[in-house]
C-alpha atoms as a PDB file:
ATOM      1  CA  MET A   1     173.741-170.206-131.306  1.00  0.00           C
ATOM      2  CA  SER A   2     171.106-168.339-133.278  1.00  0.00           C
ATOM      3  CA  GLY A   3     167.489-167.983-132.146  1.00  0.00           C
ATOM      4  CA  GLU A   4     166.398-170.240-135.019  1.00  0.00           C
ATOM      5  CA  GLU A   5     168.476-173.171-133.720  1.00  0.00           C
ATOM      6  CA  GLU A   6     167.093-172.894-130.141  1.00  0.00           C
ATOM      7  CA  VAL A   7     163.478-173.364-131.255  1.00  0.00           C
ATOM      8  CA  PRO A   8     162.129-176.929-131.657  1.00  0.00           C
ATOM      9  CA  ARG A   9     161.702-177.967-135.290  1.00  0.00           C
ATOM     10  CA  GLU A  10     157.862-178.196-135.067  1.00  0.00           C
ATOM     11  CA  LEU A  11     157.716-174.529-133.950  1.00  0.00           C
ATOM     12  CA  SER A  12     160.211-173.099-136.440  1.00  0.00           C
ATOM     13  CA  ASP A  13     157.515-171.881-138.899  1.00  0.00           C
ATOM     14  CA  LEU A  14     155.634-170.131-136.107  1.00  0.00           C
ATOM     15  CA  ASN A  15     158.886-168.627-134.817  1.00  0.00           C
ATOM     16  CA  ARG A  16     159.728-167.220-138.281  1.00  0.00           C
ATOM     17  CA  SER A  17     156.227-165.710-138.605  1.00  0.00           C
ATOM     18  CA  LEU A  18     156.410-164.080-135.191  1.00  0.00           C
ATOM     19  CA  ARG A  19     159.892-162.672-135.887  1.00  0.00           C
ATOM     20  CA  GLY A  20     158.561-161.098-139.082  1.00  0.00           C
ATOM     21  CA  ILE A  21     155.987-158.996-137.197  1.00  0.00           C
ATOM     22  CA  ARG A  22     156.959-155.333-136.879  1.00  0.00           C
ATOM     23  CA  PHE A  23     155.252-152.659-134.797  1.00  0.00           C
ATOM     24  CA  GLU A  24     155.320-149.018-135.821  1.00  0.00           C
ATOM     25  CA  PRO A  25     153.678-146.056-134.086  1.00  0.00           C
ATOM     26  CA  ARG A  26     150.686-144.568-135.871  1.00  0.00           C
ATOM     27  CA  SER A  27     151.325-141.335-137.716  1.00  0.00           C
ATOM     28  CA  SER A  28     149.187-139.299-135.288  1.00  0.00           C
ATOM     29  CA  LEU A  29     151.143-140.367-132.189  1.00  0.00           C
ATOM     30  CA  GLY A  30     153.782-137.624-132.445  1.00  0.00           C
ATOM     31  CA  PRO A  31     151.312-134.706-132.690  1.00  0.00           C
ATOM     32  CA  GLU A  32     149.212-136.265-129.908  1.00  0.00           C
ATOM     33  CA  LEU A  33     152.184-136.474-127.537  1.00  0.00           C
ATOM     34  CA  ARG A  34     153.249-132.889-128.328  1.00  0.00           C
ATOM     35  CA  GLY A  35     149.693-131.707-127.574  1.00  0.00           C
ATOM     36  CA  ARG A  36     149.673-133.536-124.259  1.00  0.00           C
ATOM     37  CA  VAL A  37     152.981-131.970-123.243  1.00  0.00           C
ATOM     38  CA  ARG A  38     151.697-128.486-124.185  1.00  0.00           C
ATOM     39  CA  ARG A  39     148.632-129.050-121.953  1.00  0.00           C
ATOM     40  CA  GLY A  40     150.902-129.947-119.034  1.00  0.00           C
ATOM     41  CA  GLU A  41     150.101-133.666-118.911  1.00  0.00           C
ATOM     42  CA  ARG A  42     152.710-135.628-116.995  1.00  0.00           C
ATOM     43  CA  ALA A  43     154.464-138.711-118.325  1.00  0.00           C
ATOM     44  CA  LYS A  44     154.039-142.388-117.293  1.00  0.00           C
ATOM     45  CA  GLY A  45     150.601-141.923-115.739  1.00  0.00           C
ATOM     46  CA  ALA A  46     151.845-139.551-113.056  1.00  0.00           C
ATOM     47  CA  VAL A  47     148.527-137.808-112.454  1.00  0.00           C
ATOM     48  CA  THR A  48     147.863-135.484-109.565  1.00  0.00           C
ATOM     49  CA  SER A  49     145.409-136.663-106.910  1.00  0.00           C
ATOM     50  CA  ARG A  50     142.956-133.922-107.959  1.00  0.00           C
ATOM     51  CA  ARG A  51     142.645-135.636-111.346  1.00  0.00           C
ATOM     52  CA  VAL A  52     142.586-139.189-110.021  1.00  0.00           C
ATOM     53  CA  ARG A  53     139.534-138.795-107.795  1.00  0.00           C
ATOM     54  CA  PRO A  54     137.122-137.495-110.486  1.00  0.00           C
ATOM     55  CA  ALA A  55     138.457-140.064-112.925  1.00  0.00           C
ATOM     56  CA  LEU A  56     137.812-142.897-110.473  1.00  0.00           C
ATOM     57  CA  TRP A  57     134.313-141.576-109.758  1.00  0.00           C
ATOM     58  CA  GLY A  58     133.667-141.454-113.495  1.00  0.00           C
ATOM     59  CA  VAL A  59     134.840-145.041-113.967  1.00  0.00           C
ATOM     60  CA  ALA A  60     132.719-146.232-111.023  1.00  0.00           C
ATOM     61  CA  ALA A  61     129.620-144.450-112.360  1.00  0.00           C
ATOM     62  CA  ALA A  62     130.152-145.954-115.806  1.00  0.00           C
ATOM     63  CA  LEU A  63     130.494-149.455-114.333  1.00  0.00           C
ATOM     64  CA  VAL A  64     127.321-149.087-112.271  1.00  0.00           C
ATOM     65  CA  ALA A  65     125.366-147.727-115.229  1.00  0.00           C
ATOM     66  CA  SER A  66     126.538-150.457-117.588  1.00  0.00           C
ATOM     67  CA  ALA A  67     125.857-153.174-115.010  1.00  0.00           C
ATOM     68  CA  ALA A  68     122.338-151.815-114.493  1.00  0.00           C
ATOM     69  CA  LEU A  69     121.699-151.854-118.231  1.00  0.00           C
ATOM     70  CA  LEU A  70     122.995-155.402-118.539  1.00  0.00           C
ATOM     71  CA  GLY A  71     120.957-156.592-115.554  1.00  0.00           C
ATOM     72  CA  THR A  72     123.931-157.725-113.499  1.00  0.00           C
ATOM     73  CA  PRO A  73     122.662-159.763-110.535  1.00  0.00           C
ATOM     74  CA  HIS A  74     125.147-158.107-108.146  1.00  0.00           C
ATOM     75  CA  LEU A  75     123.118-154.896-108.141  1.00  0.00           C
ATOM     76  CA  PRO A  76     119.972-154.820-106.034  1.00  0.00           C
ATOM     77  CA  ALA A  77     116.791-154.935-108.097  1.00  0.00           C
ATOM     78  CA  ASP A  78     113.169-154.732-107.066  1.00  0.00           C
ATOM     79  CA  VAL A  79     110.956-157.812-106.893  1.00  0.00           C
ATOM     80  CA  ARG A  80     107.262-157.552-107.816  1.00  0.00           C
ATOM     81  CA  VAL A  81     104.837-159.891-106.019  1.00  0.00           C
ATOM     82  CA  ASP A  82     101.206-159.947-107.138  1.00  0.00           C
ATOM     83  CA  ARG A  83      98.728-162.052-105.103  1.00  0.00           C
ATOM     84  CA  CYS A  84      95.088-162.365-106.082  1.00  0.00           C
ATOM     85  CA  CYS A  85      92.224-163.008-105.401  1.00  0.00           C
ATOM     86  CA  TYR A  86      90.894-162.475-101.857  1.00  0.00           C
ATOM     87  CA  ASP A  87      88.284-160.380-100.083  1.00  0.00           C
ATOM     88  CA  LEU A  88      90.637-157.690 -98.765  1.00  0.00           C
ATOM     89  CA  ASP A  89      88.146-154.825 -98.514  1.00  0.00           C
ATOM     90  CA  GLY A  90      85.269-156.575 -96.735  1.00  0.00           C
ATOM     91  CA  GLY A  91      83.008-156.440 -99.763  1.00  0.00           C
ATOM     92  CA  GLY A  92      82.135-160.145 -99.588  1.00  0.00           C
ATOM     93  CA  GLU A  93      83.732-161.152-102.900  1.00  0.00           C
ATOM     94  CA  ALA A  94      87.197-162.612-103.470  1.00  0.00           C
ATOM     95  CA  ASP A  95      88.017-160.024-106.130  1.00  0.00           C
ATOM     96  CA  ASP A  96      90.883-158.119-104.498  1.00  0.00           C
ATOM     97  CA  GLY A  97      94.637-158.440-104.847  1.00  0.00           C
ATOM     98  CA  VAL A  98      97.788-157.122-103.258  1.00  0.00           C
ATOM     99  CA  LEU A  99     100.767-155.881-105.242  1.00  0.00           C
ATOM    100  CA  VAL A 100     104.048-155.569-103.334  1.00  0.00           C
ATOM    101  CA  VAL A 101     107.248-154.125-104.756  1.00  0.00           C
ATOM    102  CA  ALA A 102     110.180-155.094-102.526  1.00  0.00           C
ATOM    103  CA  GLY A 103     113.939-154.827-102.746  1.00  0.00           C
ATOM    104  CA  ARG A 104     116.243-157.838-102.811  1.00  0.00           C
ATOM    105  CA  ASP A 105     116.685-157.134 -99.092  1.00  0.00           C
ATOM    106  CA  GLU A 106     112.946-157.929 -98.674  1.00  0.00           C
ATOM    107  CA  GLN A 107     112.205-154.326 -97.692  1.00  0.00           C
ATOM    108  CA  VAL A 108     108.861-153.054 -98.968  1.00  0.00           C
ATOM    109  CA  ARG A 109     109.172-150.223-101.496  1.00  0.00           C
ATOM    110  CA  ARG A 110     105.489-150.028-102.455  1.00  0.00           C
ATOM    111  CA  LEU A 111     102.285-151.836-101.481  1.00  0.00           C
ATOM    112  CA  SER A 112      98.914-151.570-103.243  1.00  0.00           C
ATOM    113  CA  ILE A 113      95.510-153.151-102.693  1.00  0.00           C
ATOM    114  CA  TYR A 114      93.455-153.351-105.882  1.00  0.00           C
ATOM    115  CA  GLU A 115      90.122-154.666-107.073  1.00  0.00           C
ATOM    116  CA  ASP A 116      90.491-157.116-109.968  1.00  0.00           C
ATOM    117  CA  ARG A 117      87.757-155.596-112.133  1.00  0.00           C
ATOM    118  CA  ASP A 118      88.774-157.248-115.396  1.00  0.00           C
ATOM    119  CA  GLY A 119      89.006-160.768-113.936  1.00  0.00           C
ATOM    120  CA  SER A 120      92.657-161.234-114.972  1.00  0.00           C
ATOM    121  CA  ALA A 121      93.610-162.641-111.520  1.00  0.00           C
ATOM    122  CA  GLY A 122      96.439-160.103-111.323  1.00  0.00           C
ATOM    123  CA  TYR A 123      96.982-156.348-111.431  1.00  0.00           C
ATOM    124  CA  SER A 124      96.318-154.710-114.803  1.00  0.00           C
ATOM    125  CA  LEU A 125      95.425-151.237-116.063  1.00  0.00           C
ATOM    126  CA  GLY A 126      91.685-151.925-115.873  1.00  0.00           C
ATOM    127  CA  ASP A 127      91.797-152.526-112.107  1.00  0.00           C
ATOM    128  CA  LEU A 128      90.806-150.080-109.371  1.00  0.00           C
ATOM    129  CA  VAL A 129      93.493-149.289-106.777  1.00  0.00           C
ATOM    130  CA  ARG A 130      91.808-149.029-103.370  1.00  0.00           C
ATOM    131  CA  PHE A 131      94.943-148.271-101.339  1.00  0.00           C
ATOM    132  CA  GLU A 132      98.559-147.429-102.108  1.00  0.00           C
ATOM    133  CA  ARG A 133     101.533-146.639 -99.896  1.00  0.00           C
ATOM    134  CA  GLY A 134     105.297-146.334-100.015  1.00  0.00           C
ATOM    135  CA  ALA A 135     107.997-147.947 -97.882  1.00  0.00           C
ATOM    136  CA  GLU A 136     106.390-147.225 -94.489  1.00  0.00           C
ATOM    137  CA  PRO A 137     103.005-148.437 -93.176  1.00  0.00           C
ATOM    138  CA  MET A 138     100.455-145.609 -92.952  1.00  0.00           C
ATOM    139  CA  ILE A 139      96.789-144.964 -92.166  1.00  0.00           C
ATOM    140  CA  ASP A 140      95.069-142.783 -94.753  1.00  0.00           C
ATOM    141  CA  VAL A 141      92.115-141.677 -92.552  1.00  0.00           C
ATOM    142  CA  PRO A 142      91.686-141.033 -88.818  1.00  0.00           C
ATOM    143  CA  LEU A 143      91.000-144.215 -86.868  1.00  0.00           C
ATOM    144  CA  GLY A 144      87.371-144.895 -86.008  1.00  0.00           C
ATOM    145  CA  LEU A 145      85.282-147.548 -84.337  1.00  0.00           C
ATOM    146  CA  ASP A 146      83.900-148.858 -87.618  1.00  0.00           C
ATOM    147  CA  LEU A 147      87.202-150.274 -88.877  1.00  0.00           C
ATOM    148  CA  GLU A 148      87.734-154.002 -89.367  1.00  0.00           C
ATOM    149  CA  THR A 149      90.978-155.939 -89.518  1.00  0.00           C
ATOM    150  CA  TYR A 150      91.721-158.755 -91.957  1.00  0.00           C
ATOM    151  CA  GLN A 151      94.760-160.985 -91.582  1.00  0.00           C
ATOM    152  CA  PHE A 152      96.103-163.414 -94.203  1.00  0.00           C
ATOM    153  CA  CYS A 153      98.912-165.902 -93.633  1.00  0.00           C
ATOM    154  CA  CYS A 154     101.194-167.413 -94.840  1.00  0.00           C
ATOM    155  CA  LEU A 155     102.514-166.636 -98.314  1.00  0.00           C
ATOM    156  CA  ASP A 156     105.598-165.089 -99.863  1.00  0.00           C
ATOM    157  CA  TYR A 157     104.568-161.429-100.079  1.00  0.00           C
ATOM    158  CA  ASP A 158     108.079-159.914-100.121  1.00  0.00           C
ATOM    159  CA  GLY A 159     109.732-162.055-102.797  1.00  0.00           C
ATOM    160  CA  GLY A 160     112.102-163.689-100.323  1.00  0.00           C
ATOM    161  CA  GLY A 161     111.230-167.181-101.556  1.00  0.00           C
ATOM    162  CA  PHE A 162     109.539-168.498 -98.396  1.00  0.00           C
ATOM    163  CA  ASP A 163     105.857-168.647 -97.422  1.00  0.00           C
ATOM    164  CA  ASP A 164     106.596-166.888 -94.129  1.00  0.00           C
ATOM    165  CA  ASP A 165     104.816-163.573 -94.619  1.00  0.00           C
ATOM    166  CA  GLY A 166     101.453-162.360 -93.457  1.00  0.00           C
ATOM    167  CA  LEU A 167      99.250-159.569 -94.804  1.00  0.00           C
ATOM    168  CA  LEU A 168      97.354-157.232 -92.493  1.00  0.00           C
ATOM    169  CA  VAL A 169      94.577-155.047 -93.946  1.00  0.00           C
ATOM    170  CA  VAL A 170      92.474-152.521 -92.043  1.00  0.00           C
ATOM    171  CA  GLY A 171      89.358-151.182 -93.735  1.00  0.00           C
ATOM    172  CA  ARG A 172      85.791-149.993 -93.650  1.00  0.00           C
ATOM    173  CA  PRO A 173      83.488-152.512 -95.338  1.00  0.00           C
ATOM    174  CA  PRO A 174      82.302-152.875 -97.967  1.00  0.00           C
ATOM    175  CA  ASP A 175      85.100-151.372-100.079  1.00  0.00           C
ATOM    176  CA  ARG A 176      87.374-148.996 -98.154  1.00  0.00           C
ATOM    177  CA  VAL A 177      90.976-149.881 -97.275  1.00  0.00           C
ATOM    178  CA  VAL A 178      92.761-147.492 -94.899  1.00  0.00           C
ATOM    179  CA  MET A 179      95.916-149.443 -94.033  1.00  0.00           C
ATOM    180  CA  ALA A 180      97.834-152.449 -95.320  1.00  0.00           C
ATOM    181  CA  ALA A 181     101.174-153.943 -94.322  1.00  0.00           C
ATOM    182  CA  ILE A 182     103.057-157.206 -94.477  1.00  0.00           C
ATOM    183  CA  TYR A 183     105.001-158.925 -91.714  1.00  0.00           C
ATOM    184  CA  GLU A 184     107.203-161.982 -91.273  1.00  0.00           C
ATOM    185  CA  THR A 185     105.643-164.642 -89.093  1.00  0.00           C
ATOM    186  CA  HIS A 186     108.917-165.964 -87.638  1.00  0.00           C
ATOM    187  CA  ARG A 187     109.963-162.569 -86.251  1.00  0.00           C
ATOM    188  CA  THR A 188     107.971-162.797 -83.034  1.00  0.00           C
ATOM    189  CA  GLU A 189     109.125-161.672 -79.625  1.00  0.00           C
ATOM    190  CA  ALA A 190     109.210-164.728 -77.363  1.00  0.00           C
ATOM    191  CA  SER A 191     108.719-162.669 -74.195  1.00  0.00           C
ATOM    192  CA  ALA A 192     105.458-161.073 -75.401  1.00  0.00           C
ATOM    193  CA  PRO A 193     102.197-162.580 -74.042  1.00  0.00           C
ATOM    194  CA  LEU A 194     100.792-162.444 -77.589  1.00  0.00           C
ATOM    195  CA  PRO A 195     102.892-162.708 -80.752  1.00  0.00           C
ATOM    196  CA  ARG A 196     104.134-159.335 -82.018  1.00  0.00           C
ATOM    197  CA  PHE A 197     104.943-158.804 -85.671  1.00  0.00           C
ATOM    198  CA  PRO A 198     106.902-155.762 -86.885  1.00  0.00           C
ATOM    199  CA  LEU A 199     104.924-154.363 -89.817  1.00  0.00           C
ATOM    200  CA  ARG A 200     106.595-153.579 -93.112  1.00  0.00           C
END
């Protein structure tokens, strides 16, 4: 029985077309293979472990870089939360805002207190930054008796999607901010006589 007779009649034209396809190596394949042999390359992908490790690292780096460029959601990206307008510096006017840059893990990367000078109700280049810090809470002057504390609750300051965060600001009125941090209101210690909030 020939191959033509085994194929159903409705597929015979397709079968003839597929049988007519021929594959031939490109003309440069021979010189390429001879060059590889001269360089000591081994056949059938038999690569030494010294070559495999850098190659795998290269592939992994390329995948991470391309995913970052394409904005793949599997890679952590920072979230920017801008809240305005409150009296955060004790100046008496609700013209201040807080800008928080947090990771997808809700960890603070950067926190700034600014004065909304241009009235845009958000941070812009015309605004004055009164306080800026990195990932850890910090005091930018020695503590004194003239400091006041301002506490704001409850909004989503870390980009986690829930209004469960508070903002703590310490300053010297009318316009000095010396410390700012956010905290999650549900992370209290039940055994403490007063609620305790780990600052972020």
